[in-house]
Amino acid sequence: LLFVPGKPSKPQIISSTTEVAQGRWITLTCESIPNTKPYYVDFPQLTYTWYVNGTVKKPNNYQASGESLTITSVTRSDSYNRISCRATQNTTVSEFSDIIKLNVLCEYFIIHFYSLM
């Protein structure tokens, strides 16, 4: 049987929202479709690699596991990070997903001072 390994489709990062409150957590999912032909061939599953600001090295609060990336204890500085992923099947690597950025919601307190004069 002849099979042709194809490049996985361009991944998409899936999340119900990109807004997250400071101090909370969020999980992102990378999804791609294998393009090995014929489709019924039992070829290795897709593996996923997550990138933050173009590098595999991630901040300590970023935990990658398979297609999921969980960001715990989100901080305001996380809103500046550019997050993307790639899919690999055997040795064939997809292009990068589109970059997403988190919208970190912060609480601000406004204190009013009144003069008693």
N, C-alpha and C. Protein backbone atom coordinates (compact mmCIF):
# COMPACT_ATOMS: atom_id res chain seq x y z
N LEU A 1 0.85 -1.18 0.00
CA LEU A 1 0.00 0.00 0.00
C LEU A 1 0.89 1.24 0.00
N LEU A 2 0.64 2.13 -0.91
CA LEU A 2 1.40 3.38 -1.00
C LEU A 2 0.61 4.48 -0.29
N PHE A 3 1.29 5.20 0.58
CA PHE A 3 0.63 6.34 1.21
C PHE A 3 1.51 7.56 1.03
N VAL A 4 0.86 8.71 1.01
CA VAL A 4 1.57 9.97 0.80
C VAL A 4 1.38 10.83 2.03
N PRO A 5 2.46 11.07 2.79
CA PRO A 5 2.31 11.95 3.95
C PRO A 5 2.13 13.40 3.48
N GLY A 6 1.10 14.04 3.96
CA GLY A 6 0.83 15.42 3.59
C GLY A 6 1.07 16.35 4.77
N LYS A 7 1.25 17.60 4.46
CA LYS A 7 1.44 18.60 5.51
C LYS A 7 0.10 18.83 6.21
N PRO A 8 0.07 18.80 7.55
CA PRO A 8 -1.17 19.09 8.26
C PRO A 8 -1.69 20.48 7.89
N SER A 9 -3.00 20.65 7.98
CA SER A 9 -3.60 21.95 7.66
C SER A 9 -3.10 23.02 8.62
N LYS A 10 -3.25 24.28 8.21
CA LYS A 10 -2.88 25.39 9.09
C LYS A 10 -3.72 25.30 10.36
N PRO A 11 -3.08 25.22 11.52
CA PRO A 11 -3.83 25.07 12.76
C PRO A 11 -4.63 26.32 13.10
N GLN A 12 -5.66 26.10 13.89
CA GLN A 12 -6.46 27.19 14.45
C GLN A 12 -6.39 27.08 15.96
N ILE A 13 -6.28 28.22 16.62
CA ILE A 13 -6.33 28.23 18.08
C ILE A 13 -7.78 28.49 18.47
N ILE A 14 -8.31 27.56 19.26
CA ILE A 14 -9.71 27.60 19.66
C ILE A 14 -9.80 27.96 21.14
N SER A 15 -10.69 28.90 21.44
CA SER A 15 -10.98 29.26 22.83
C SER A 15 -12.35 29.91 22.85
N SER A 16 -13.07 29.72 23.92
CA SER A 16 -14.39 30.35 24.01
C SER A 16 -14.26 31.87 24.10
N THR A 17 -13.11 32.34 24.56
CA THR A 17 -12.86 33.77 24.67
C THR A 17 -11.35 34.00 24.74
N THR A 18 -10.92 35.20 24.42
CA THR A 18 -9.53 35.57 24.67
C THR A 18 -9.46 36.60 25.79
N GLU A 19 -10.61 36.89 26.40
CA GLU A 19 -10.64 37.79 27.55
C GLU A 19 -10.52 36.96 28.82
N VAL A 20 -9.62 37.36 29.69
CA VAL A 20 -9.44 36.64 30.96
C VAL A 20 -9.08 37.65 32.03
N ALA A 21 -9.67 37.47 33.20
CA ALA A 21 -9.39 38.38 34.31
C ALA A 21 -8.02 38.09 34.91
N GLN A 22 -7.35 39.14 35.31
CA GLN A 22 -6.04 39.00 35.94
C GLN A 22 -6.16 38.05 37.13
N GLY A 23 -5.21 37.10 37.25
CA GLY A 23 -5.22 36.14 38.35
C GLY A 23 -5.97 34.86 38.03
N ARG A 24 -6.75 34.84 36.96
CA ARG A 24 -7.51 33.65 36.56
C ARG A 24 -6.67 32.80 35.60
N TRP A 25 -7.29 31.77 35.02
CA TRP A 25 -6.61 30.89 34.07
C TRP A 25 -7.45 30.76 32.81
N ILE A 26 -6.79 30.33 31.73
CA ILE A 26 -7.47 30.11 30.46
C ILE A 26 -6.78 28.93 29.75
N THR A 27 -7.57 28.14 29.03
CA THR A 27 -7.02 27.05 28.24
C THR A 27 -7.31 27.29 26.77
N LEU A 28 -6.27 27.20 25.94
CA LEU A 28 -6.38 27.33 24.49
C LEU A 28 -6.17 25.96 23.87
N THR A 29 -6.81 25.71 22.73
CA THR A 29 -6.67 24.43 22.03
C THR A 29 -6.20 24.67 20.61
N CYS A 30 -5.20 23.92 20.17
CA CYS A 30 -4.68 23.99 18.80
C CYS A 30 -5.31 22.86 18.00
N GLU A 31 -5.95 23.18 16.88
CA GLU A 31 -6.61 22.16 16.06
C GLU A 31 -6.09 22.22 14.63
N SER A 32 -5.78 21.04 14.08
CA SER A 32 -5.32 20.90 12.71
C SER A 32 -5.86 19.59 12.15
N ILE A 33 -5.83 19.44 10.83
CA ILE A 33 -6.31 18.23 10.18
C ILE A 33 -5.14 17.59 9.44
N PRO A 34 -4.89 16.28 9.68
CA PRO A 34 -3.82 15.61 8.94
C PRO A 34 -4.19 15.47 7.46
N ASN A 35 -3.20 15.50 6.60
CA ASN A 35 -3.45 15.38 5.16
C ASN A 35 -2.75 14.17 4.54
N THR A 36 -2.55 13.12 5.34
CA THR A 36 -1.96 11.89 4.81
C THR A 36 -2.99 11.18 3.95
N LYS A 37 -2.55 10.67 2.80
CA LYS A 37 -3.45 9.97 1.90
C LYS A 37 -2.94 8.56 1.67
N PRO A 38 -3.77 7.54 1.61
CA PRO A 38 -5.21 7.59 1.87
C PRO A 38 -5.49 7.81 3.35
N TYR A 39 -6.68 8.34 3.66
CA TYR A 39 -7.03 8.73 5.02
C TYR A 39 -7.13 7.56 5.98
N TYR A 40 -7.39 6.37 5.48
CA TYR A 40 -7.57 5.23 6.38
C TYR A 40 -6.25 4.60 6.82
N VAL A 41 -5.14 5.12 6.35
CA VAL A 41 -3.84 4.61 6.78
C VAL A 41 -3.62 5.01 8.24
N ASP A 42 -3.17 4.05 9.04
CA ASP A 42 -2.91 4.31 10.46
C ASP A 42 -1.55 4.97 10.60
N PHE A 43 -1.52 6.28 10.43
CA PHE A 43 -0.30 7.06 10.47
C PHE A 43 -0.21 7.73 11.84
N PRO A 44 0.96 8.09 12.32
CA PRO A 44 1.06 8.70 13.66
C PRO A 44 0.13 9.91 13.82
N GLN A 45 -0.39 10.03 15.02
CA GLN A 45 -1.26 11.15 15.36
C GLN A 45 -0.52 12.48 15.25
N LEU A 46 -1.28 13.54 15.16
CA LEU A 46 -0.69 14.87 15.16
C LEU A 46 -0.13 15.18 16.54
N THR A 47 1.00 15.86 16.57
CA THR A 47 1.52 16.43 17.80
C THR A 47 1.54 17.94 17.62
N TYR A 48 1.49 18.66 18.72
CA TYR A 48 1.38 20.11 18.67
C TYR A 48 2.51 20.76 19.44
N THR A 49 2.99 21.87 18.91
CA THR A 49 4.01 22.68 19.57
C THR A 49 3.46 24.09 19.73
N TRP A 50 3.58 24.62 20.95
CA TRP A 50 3.10 25.97 21.25
C TRP A 50 4.27 26.95 21.25
N TYR A 51 4.00 28.15 20.78
CA TYR A 51 5.01 29.20 20.71
C TYR A 51 4.49 30.46 21.41
N VAL A 52 5.36 31.09 22.17
CA VAL A 52 5.04 32.37 22.81
C VAL A 52 6.11 33.34 22.34
N ASN A 53 5.68 34.38 21.66
CA ASN A 53 6.59 35.37 21.08
C ASN A 53 7.61 34.72 20.16
N GLY A 54 7.15 33.71 19.40
CA GLY A 54 7.98 33.08 18.38
C GLY A 54 8.95 32.02 18.88
N THR A 55 8.92 31.71 20.16
CA THR A 55 9.85 30.71 20.71
C THR A 55 9.09 29.63 21.47
N VAL A 56 9.69 28.44 21.54
CA VAL A 56 9.07 27.33 22.27
C VAL A 56 9.18 27.56 23.77
N LYS A 57 10.18 28.30 24.21
CA LYS A 57 10.34 28.59 25.63
C LYS A 57 9.18 29.45 26.09
N LYS A 58 8.51 28.99 27.14
CA LYS A 58 7.32 29.67 27.61
C LYS A 58 7.50 30.16 29.05
N PRO A 59 6.75 31.18 29.44
CA PRO A 59 6.78 31.60 30.85
C PRO A 59 6.35 30.45 31.76
N ASN A 60 6.72 30.52 33.03
CA ASN A 60 6.43 29.44 33.98
C ASN A 60 4.95 29.14 34.13
N ASN A 61 4.09 30.13 33.94
CA ASN A 61 2.65 29.90 34.13
C ASN A 61 1.97 29.39 32.85
N TYR A 62 2.74 29.02 31.83
CA TYR A 62 2.20 28.45 30.59
C TYR A 62 2.51 26.96 30.58
N GLN A 63 1.46 26.13 30.59
CA GLN A 63 1.65 24.68 30.64
C GLN A 63 1.05 24.04 29.40
N ALA A 64 1.90 23.47 28.55
CA ALA A 64 1.46 22.81 27.32
C ALA A 64 1.31 21.32 27.55
N SER A 65 0.21 20.77 27.05
CA SER A 65 -0.03 19.33 27.13
C SER A 65 -0.80 18.92 25.89
N GLY A 66 -0.10 18.30 24.94
CA GLY A 66 -0.76 17.91 23.69
C GLY A 66 -1.26 19.13 22.94
N GLU A 67 -2.53 19.10 22.56
CA GLU A 67 -3.10 20.22 21.81
C GLU A 67 -3.52 21.38 22.70
N SER A 68 -3.38 21.25 24.02
CA SER A 68 -3.85 22.29 24.95
C SER A 68 -2.70 23.11 25.53
N LEU A 69 -2.99 24.38 25.73
CA LEU A 69 -2.08 25.28 26.44
C LEU A 69 -2.90 25.96 27.53
N THR A 70 -2.51 25.75 28.78
CA THR A 70 -3.20 26.38 29.90
C THR A 70 -2.30 27.46 30.48
N ILE A 71 -2.86 28.63 30.64
CA ILE A 71 -2.14 29.75 31.23
C ILE A 71 -2.77 30.00 32.59
N THR A 72 -1.98 29.79 33.64
CA THR A 72 -2.49 29.95 34.99
C THR A 72 -2.05 31.29 35.56
N SER A 73 -2.79 31.79 36.52
CA SER A 73 -2.45 33.05 37.18
C SER A 73 -2.06 34.12 36.17
N VAL A 74 -2.98 34.42 35.27
CA VAL A 74 -2.75 35.40 34.20
C VAL A 74 -2.38 36.76 34.80
N THR A 75 -1.36 37.39 34.22
CA THR A 75 -0.94 38.73 34.66
C THR A 75 -1.16 39.72 33.52
N ARG A 76 -1.07 40.99 33.85
CA ARG A 76 -1.24 42.02 32.80
C ARG A 76 -0.20 41.88 31.70
N SER A 77 1.01 41.46 32.05
CA SER A 77 2.06 41.33 31.04
C SER A 77 1.74 40.23 30.03
N ASP A 78 0.87 39.27 30.38
CA ASP A 78 0.47 38.23 29.42
C ASP A 78 -0.26 38.81 28.22
N SER A 79 -0.82 40.00 28.35
CA SER A 79 -1.54 40.61 27.23
C SER A 79 -0.60 41.02 26.10
N TYR A 80 0.71 41.09 26.38
CA TYR A 80 1.68 41.47 25.35
C TYR A 80 2.24 40.26 24.59
N ASN A 81 1.96 39.06 25.08
CA ASN A 81 2.51 37.85 24.45
C ASN A 81 1.74 37.48 23.19
N ARG A 82 2.49 37.05 22.17
CA ARG A 82 1.91 36.57 20.91
C ARG A 82 1.96 35.05 20.95
N ILE A 83 0.79 34.42 20.93
CA ILE A 83 0.69 32.97 21.09
C ILE A 83 0.32 32.34 19.75
N SER A 84 1.03 31.27 19.38
CA SER A 84 0.72 30.54 18.15
C SER A 84 1.07 29.06 18.36
N CYS A 85 0.70 28.23 17.39
CA CYS A 85 1.01 26.80 17.48
C CYS A 85 1.27 26.23 16.09
N ARG A 86 1.84 25.04 16.07
CA ARG A 86 2.07 24.29 14.84
C ARG A 86 1.72 22.83 15.10
N ALA A 87 1.32 22.14 14.03
CA ALA A 87 1.03 20.71 14.12
C ALA A 87 2.09 19.94 13.35
N THR A 88 2.42 18.75 13.84
CA THR A 88 3.39 17.88 13.19
C THR A 88 2.80 16.48 13.08
N GLN A 89 2.98 15.87 11.90
CA GLN A 89 2.62 14.46 11.73
C GLN A 89 3.84 13.77 11.17
N ASN A 90 4.39 12.84 11.96
CA ASN A 90 5.64 12.19 11.64
C ASN A 90 6.72 13.27 11.58
N THR A 91 7.26 13.63 10.43
CA THR A 91 8.25 14.70 10.35
C THR A 91 7.75 15.89 9.54
N THR A 92 6.48 15.86 9.16
CA THR A 92 5.91 16.93 8.34
C THR A 92 5.24 17.96 9.24
N VAL A 93 5.68 19.21 9.12
CA VAL A 93 5.22 20.27 10.02
C VAL A 93 4.32 21.24 9.27
N SER A 94 3.25 21.66 9.93
CA SER A 94 2.32 22.64 9.35
C SER A 94 2.93 24.03 9.41
N GLU A 95 2.25 24.97 8.78
CA GLU A 95 2.61 26.37 8.96
C GLU A 95 2.14 26.80 10.35
N PHE A 96 2.52 28.00 10.77
CA PHE A 96 2.08 28.52 12.05
C PHE A 96 0.60 28.89 11.99
N SER A 97 -0.07 28.75 13.13
CA SER A 97 -1.43 29.26 13.25
C SER A 97 -1.37 30.79 13.23
N ASP A 98 -2.52 31.41 13.10
CA ASP A 98 -2.58 32.86 13.29
C ASP A 98 -2.25 33.15 14.75
N ILE A 99 -1.65 34.29 14.99
CA ILE A 99 -1.27 34.70 16.35
C ILE A 99 -2.51 35.20 17.08
N ILE A 100 -2.60 34.83 18.36
CA ILE A 100 -3.63 35.43 19.19
C ILE A 100 -2.95 36.14 20.35
N LYS A 101 -3.66 37.10 20.90
CA LYS A 101 -3.20 37.81 22.09
C LYS A 101 -4.35 37.82 23.08
N LEU A 102 -4.02 37.70 24.36
CA LEU A 102 -5.04 37.73 25.39
C LEU A 102 -5.42 39.17 25.71
N ASN A 103 -6.67 39.36 26.05
CA ASN A 103 -7.15 40.64 26.56
C ASN A 103 -7.31 40.45 28.06
N VAL A 104 -6.31 40.90 28.82
CA VAL A 104 -6.32 40.70 30.27
C VAL A 104 -7.12 41.83 30.92
N LEU A 105 -8.15 41.43 31.64
CA LEU A 105 -9.02 42.39 32.31
C LEU A 105 -8.49 42.62 33.72
N CYS A 106 -8.26 43.88 34.06
CA CYS A 106 -7.71 44.23 35.36
C CYS A 106 -8.74 45.00 36.16
N GLU A 107 -8.66 44.86 37.48
CA GLU A 107 -9.54 45.63 38.34
C GLU A 107 -8.82 46.90 38.76
N TYR A 108 -9.51 47.98 38.64
CA TYR A 108 -8.97 49.25 39.08
C TYR A 108 -9.92 49.84 40.10
N PHE A 109 -9.37 50.41 41.12
CA PHE A 109 -10.18 51.06 42.14
C PHE A 109 -9.96 52.56 42.03
N ILE A 110 -11.05 53.30 42.06
CA ILE A 110 -10.96 54.75 42.03
C ILE A 110 -11.32 55.25 43.42
N ILE A 111 -10.42 55.96 44.01
CA ILE A 111 -10.65 56.49 45.35
C ILE A 111 -10.86 57.99 45.23
N HIS A 112 -11.96 58.44 45.78
CA HIS A 112 -12.27 59.87 45.77
C HIS A 112 -11.96 60.45 47.15
N PHE A 113 -11.27 61.55 47.16
CA PHE A 113 -10.99 62.25 48.40
C PHE A 113 -11.83 63.52 48.40
N TYR A 114 -12.51 63.73 49.48
CA TYR A 114 -13.35 64.92 49.60
C TYR A 114 -12.80 65.81 50.69
N SER A 115 -12.79 67.07 50.41
CA SER A 115 -12.34 68.04 51.39
C SER A 115 -13.52 68.41 52.28
N LEU A 116 -13.28 68.52 53.56
CA LEU A 116 -14.34 68.88 54.50
C LEU A 116 -14.29 70.36 54.84
N MET A 117 -13.75 71.16 53.99
CA MET A 117 -13.66 72.60 54.26
C MET A 117 -14.88 73.31 53.83
